[in-house]
Amino acid sequence: MLIRLLLYITGFILLSSGFLHSMIFLNLIPSGNSTIEYITYLFSHSETYGIPAGALLIHLSTLKKSGSSRT
């Protein structure tokens, strides 16, 4: 249970951090850059990689162990 909670908290921190960094980079669109340039800019900066990594950790924290149950 504690490991799941730590995975969830770590995932949430990574997801929030990546989301905030991607919001900061939204200034590029009004300054004349296209959406494609914005997406390539996001992929070229590692601080936005927290979005998929955080989402994966949150998903992993919700999975249950599949084992044989004894009756």
N, C-alpha and C. Protein backbone atom coordinates (compact mmCIF):
# COMPACT_ATOMS: atom_id res chain seq x y z
N MET A 1 0.82 -1.19 0.00
CA MET A 1 0.00 0.00 0.00
C MET A 1 0.86 1.26 0.00
N LEU A 2 1.94 1.24 0.78
CA LEU A 2 2.81 2.41 0.85
C LEU A 2 3.53 2.65 -0.47
N ILE A 3 3.90 1.56 -1.14
CA ILE A 3 4.57 1.69 -2.44
C ILE A 3 3.63 2.30 -3.46
N ARG A 4 2.38 1.88 -3.46
CA ARG A 4 1.39 2.46 -4.38
C ARG A 4 1.20 3.95 -4.12
N LEU A 5 1.14 4.31 -2.86
CA LEU A 5 0.97 5.72 -2.51
C LEU A 5 2.18 6.54 -2.96
N LEU A 6 3.38 6.02 -2.75
CA LEU A 6 4.59 6.72 -3.19
C LEU A 6 4.64 6.83 -4.71
N LEU A 7 4.25 5.77 -5.41
CA LEU A 7 4.19 5.83 -6.87
C LEU A 7 3.19 6.89 -7.34
N TYR A 8 2.05 6.94 -6.68
CA TYR A 8 1.02 7.91 -7.06
C TYR A 8 1.51 9.34 -6.82
N ILE A 9 2.10 9.57 -5.66
CA ILE A 9 2.58 10.93 -5.34
C ILE A 9 3.69 11.34 -6.28
N THR A 10 4.63 10.44 -6.56
CA THR A 10 5.71 10.75 -7.50
C THR A 10 5.16 11.02 -8.89
N GLY A 11 4.22 10.20 -9.32
CA GLY A 11 3.60 10.41 -10.63
C GLY A 11 2.86 11.72 -10.71
N PHE A 12 2.17 12.08 -9.64
CA PHE A 12 1.43 13.34 -9.63
C PHE A 12 2.38 14.53 -9.70
N ILE A 13 3.50 14.44 -8.99
CA ILE A 13 4.49 15.53 -9.02
C ILE A 13 5.08 15.66 -10.41
N LEU A 14 5.44 14.53 -11.03
CA LEU A 14 5.99 14.58 -12.39
C LEU A 14 4.97 15.12 -13.39
N LEU A 15 3.75 14.67 -13.27
CA LEU A 15 2.69 15.12 -14.18
C LEU A 15 2.44 16.62 -14.02
N SER A 16 2.38 17.08 -12.80
CA SER A 16 2.15 18.51 -12.55
C SER A 16 3.31 19.35 -13.07
N SER A 17 4.52 18.89 -12.82
CA SER A 17 5.70 19.63 -13.28
C SER A 17 5.75 19.70 -14.80
N GLY A 18 5.51 18.60 -15.46
CA GLY A 18 5.51 18.59 -16.92
C GLY A 18 4.41 19.45 -17.50
N PHE A 19 3.25 19.43 -16.86
CA PHE A 19 2.13 20.24 -17.32
C PHE A 19 2.44 21.73 -17.18
N LEU A 20 3.04 22.10 -16.04
CA LEU A 20 3.38 23.51 -15.84
C LEU A 20 4.42 23.99 -16.85
N HIS A 21 5.41 23.14 -17.13
CA HIS A 21 6.41 23.53 -18.12
C HIS A 21 5.80 23.66 -19.51
N SER A 22 4.88 22.79 -19.85
CA SER A 22 4.25 22.91 -21.17
C SER A 22 3.37 24.15 -21.24
N MET A 23 2.77 24.55 -20.12
CA MET A 23 1.97 25.78 -20.11
C MET A 23 2.86 27.01 -20.28
N ILE A 24 4.07 26.96 -19.73
CA ILE A 24 5.00 28.08 -19.88
C ILE A 24 5.38 28.24 -21.35
N PHE A 25 5.54 27.13 -22.04
CA PHE A 25 5.94 27.19 -23.45
C PHE A 25 4.79 27.60 -24.37
N LEU A 26 3.57 27.75 -23.84
CA LEU A 26 2.44 28.18 -24.67
C LEU A 26 2.62 29.61 -25.17
N ASN A 27 3.55 30.36 -24.60
CA ASN A 27 3.83 31.72 -25.08
C ASN A 27 4.32 31.70 -26.53
N LEU A 28 4.79 30.57 -26.99
CA LEU A 28 5.34 30.50 -28.34
C LEU A 28 4.25 30.65 -29.40
N ILE A 29 3.04 30.21 -29.12
CA ILE A 29 1.98 30.25 -30.13
C ILE A 29 1.54 31.69 -30.43
N PRO A 30 1.25 32.54 -29.41
CA PRO A 30 0.88 33.92 -29.75
C PRO A 30 2.04 34.73 -30.35
N SER A 31 3.27 34.30 -30.12
CA SER A 31 4.40 35.07 -30.65
C SER A 31 4.68 34.76 -32.11
N GLY A 32 3.84 33.98 -32.75
CA GLY A 32 3.96 33.76 -34.19
C GLY A 32 4.41 32.37 -34.59
N ASN A 33 4.69 31.51 -33.65
CA ASN A 33 5.08 30.14 -33.99
C ASN A 33 3.84 29.30 -34.27
N SER A 34 4.00 28.28 -35.09
CA SER A 34 2.88 27.41 -35.42
C SER A 34 2.73 26.32 -34.36
N THR A 35 1.65 25.57 -34.45
CA THR A 35 1.42 24.48 -33.51
C THR A 35 2.47 23.39 -33.67
N ILE A 36 2.90 23.13 -34.89
CA ILE A 36 3.93 22.11 -35.13
C ILE A 36 5.24 22.53 -34.48
N GLU A 37 5.59 23.80 -34.59
CA GLU A 37 6.81 24.28 -33.94
C GLU A 37 6.71 24.19 -32.43
N TYR A 38 5.51 24.43 -31.89
CA TYR A 38 5.29 24.29 -30.45
C TYR A 38 5.49 22.85 -30.00
N ILE A 39 4.94 21.91 -30.75
CA ILE A 39 5.06 20.49 -30.39
C ILE A 39 6.51 20.03 -30.49
N THR A 40 7.22 20.44 -31.54
CA THR A 40 8.63 20.05 -31.64
C THR A 40 9.46 20.71 -30.54
N TYR A 41 9.09 21.90 -30.13
CA TYR A 41 9.78 22.55 -29.02
C TYR A 41 9.55 21.78 -27.72
N LEU A 42 8.32 21.29 -27.52
CA LEU A 42 8.04 20.50 -26.32
C LEU A 42 8.84 19.20 -26.30
N PHE A 43 8.93 18.54 -27.46
CA PHE A 43 9.66 17.28 -27.51
C PHE A 43 11.16 17.48 -27.38
N SER A 44 11.66 18.69 -27.63
CA SER A 44 13.09 18.92 -27.52
C SER A 44 13.51 19.33 -26.11
N HIS A 45 12.57 19.52 -25.20
CA HIS A 45 12.89 19.89 -23.82
C HIS A 45 12.47 18.77 -22.88
N SER A 46 13.43 18.28 -22.13
CA SER A 46 13.19 17.11 -21.29
C SER A 46 12.30 17.41 -20.09
N GLU A 47 12.14 18.68 -19.71
CA GLU A 47 11.30 18.95 -18.55
C GLU A 47 9.82 18.68 -18.82
N THR A 48 9.43 18.59 -20.07
CA THR A 48 8.03 18.26 -20.38
C THR A 48 7.81 16.75 -20.46
N TYR A 49 8.85 15.95 -20.34
CA TYR A 49 8.69 14.50 -20.36
C TYR A 49 8.02 13.99 -19.09
N GLY A 50 7.80 14.85 -18.12
CA GLY A 50 7.12 14.45 -16.90
C GLY A 50 5.67 14.10 -17.12
N ILE A 51 5.09 14.60 -18.20
CA ILE A 51 3.67 14.33 -18.46
C ILE A 51 3.44 12.84 -18.71
N PRO A 52 4.10 12.22 -19.70
CA PRO A 52 3.85 10.78 -19.88
C PRO A 52 4.42 9.93 -18.76
N ALA A 53 5.56 10.34 -18.20
CA ALA A 53 6.16 9.56 -17.11
C ALA A 53 5.26 9.60 -15.87
N GLY A 54 4.73 10.76 -15.56
CA GLY A 54 3.84 10.88 -14.41
C GLY A 54 2.54 10.13 -14.61
N ALA A 55 1.99 10.21 -15.81
CA ALA A 55 0.76 9.48 -16.10
C ALA A 55 0.98 7.97 -16.00
N LEU A 56 2.13 7.51 -16.45
CA LEU A 56 2.44 6.09 -16.36
C LEU A 56 2.57 5.64 -14.90
N LEU A 57 3.24 6.44 -14.08
CA LEU A 57 3.37 6.07 -12.67
C LEU A 57 2.02 6.08 -11.96
N ILE A 58 1.17 7.03 -12.27
CA ILE A 58 -0.16 7.06 -11.67
C ILE A 58 -0.95 5.82 -12.09
N HIS A 59 -0.83 5.45 -13.36
CA HIS A 59 -1.53 4.25 -13.84
C HIS A 59 -0.98 3.00 -13.15
N LEU A 60 0.33 2.91 -13.02
CA LEU A 60 0.92 1.74 -12.37
C LEU A 60 0.53 1.65 -10.90
N SER A 61 0.31 2.78 -10.27
CA SER A 61 -0.08 2.74 -8.85
C SER A 61 -1.50 2.23 -8.66
N THR A 62 -2.30 2.22 -9.72
CA THR A 62 -3.68 1.74 -9.59
C THR A 62 -3.85 0.28 -9.94
N LEU A 63 -2.83 -0.33 -10.53
CA LEU A 63 -2.94 -1.74 -10.93
C LEU A 63 -2.89 -2.64 -9.72
N LYS A 64 -3.67 -3.70 -9.78
CA LYS A 64 -3.67 -4.67 -8.70
C LYS A 64 -2.81 -5.86 -9.09
N LYS A 65 -2.25 -6.47 -8.11
CA LYS A 65 -1.43 -7.65 -8.34
C LYS A 65 -2.35 -8.80 -8.74
N SER A 66 -2.03 -9.45 -9.85
CA SER A 66 -2.87 -10.57 -10.27
C SER A 66 -2.20 -11.87 -9.82
N GLY A 67 -2.74 -12.44 -8.82
CA GLY A 67 -2.22 -13.70 -8.30
C GLY A 67 -3.35 -14.68 -8.13
N SER A 68 -3.00 -15.91 -7.93
CA SER A 68 -4.05 -16.92 -7.74
C SER A 68 -4.61 -16.76 -6.33
N SER A 69 -5.90 -16.73 -6.25
CA SER A 69 -6.54 -16.60 -4.93
C SER A 69 -6.91 -17.99 -4.42
N ARG A 70 -6.65 -18.19 -3.17
CA ARG A 70 -7.00 -19.48 -2.57
C ARG A 70 -8.38 -19.39 -1.97
N THR A 71 -9.14 -20.43 -2.16
CA THR A 71 -10.50 -20.44 -1.60
C THR A 71 -10.62 -21.41 -0.47
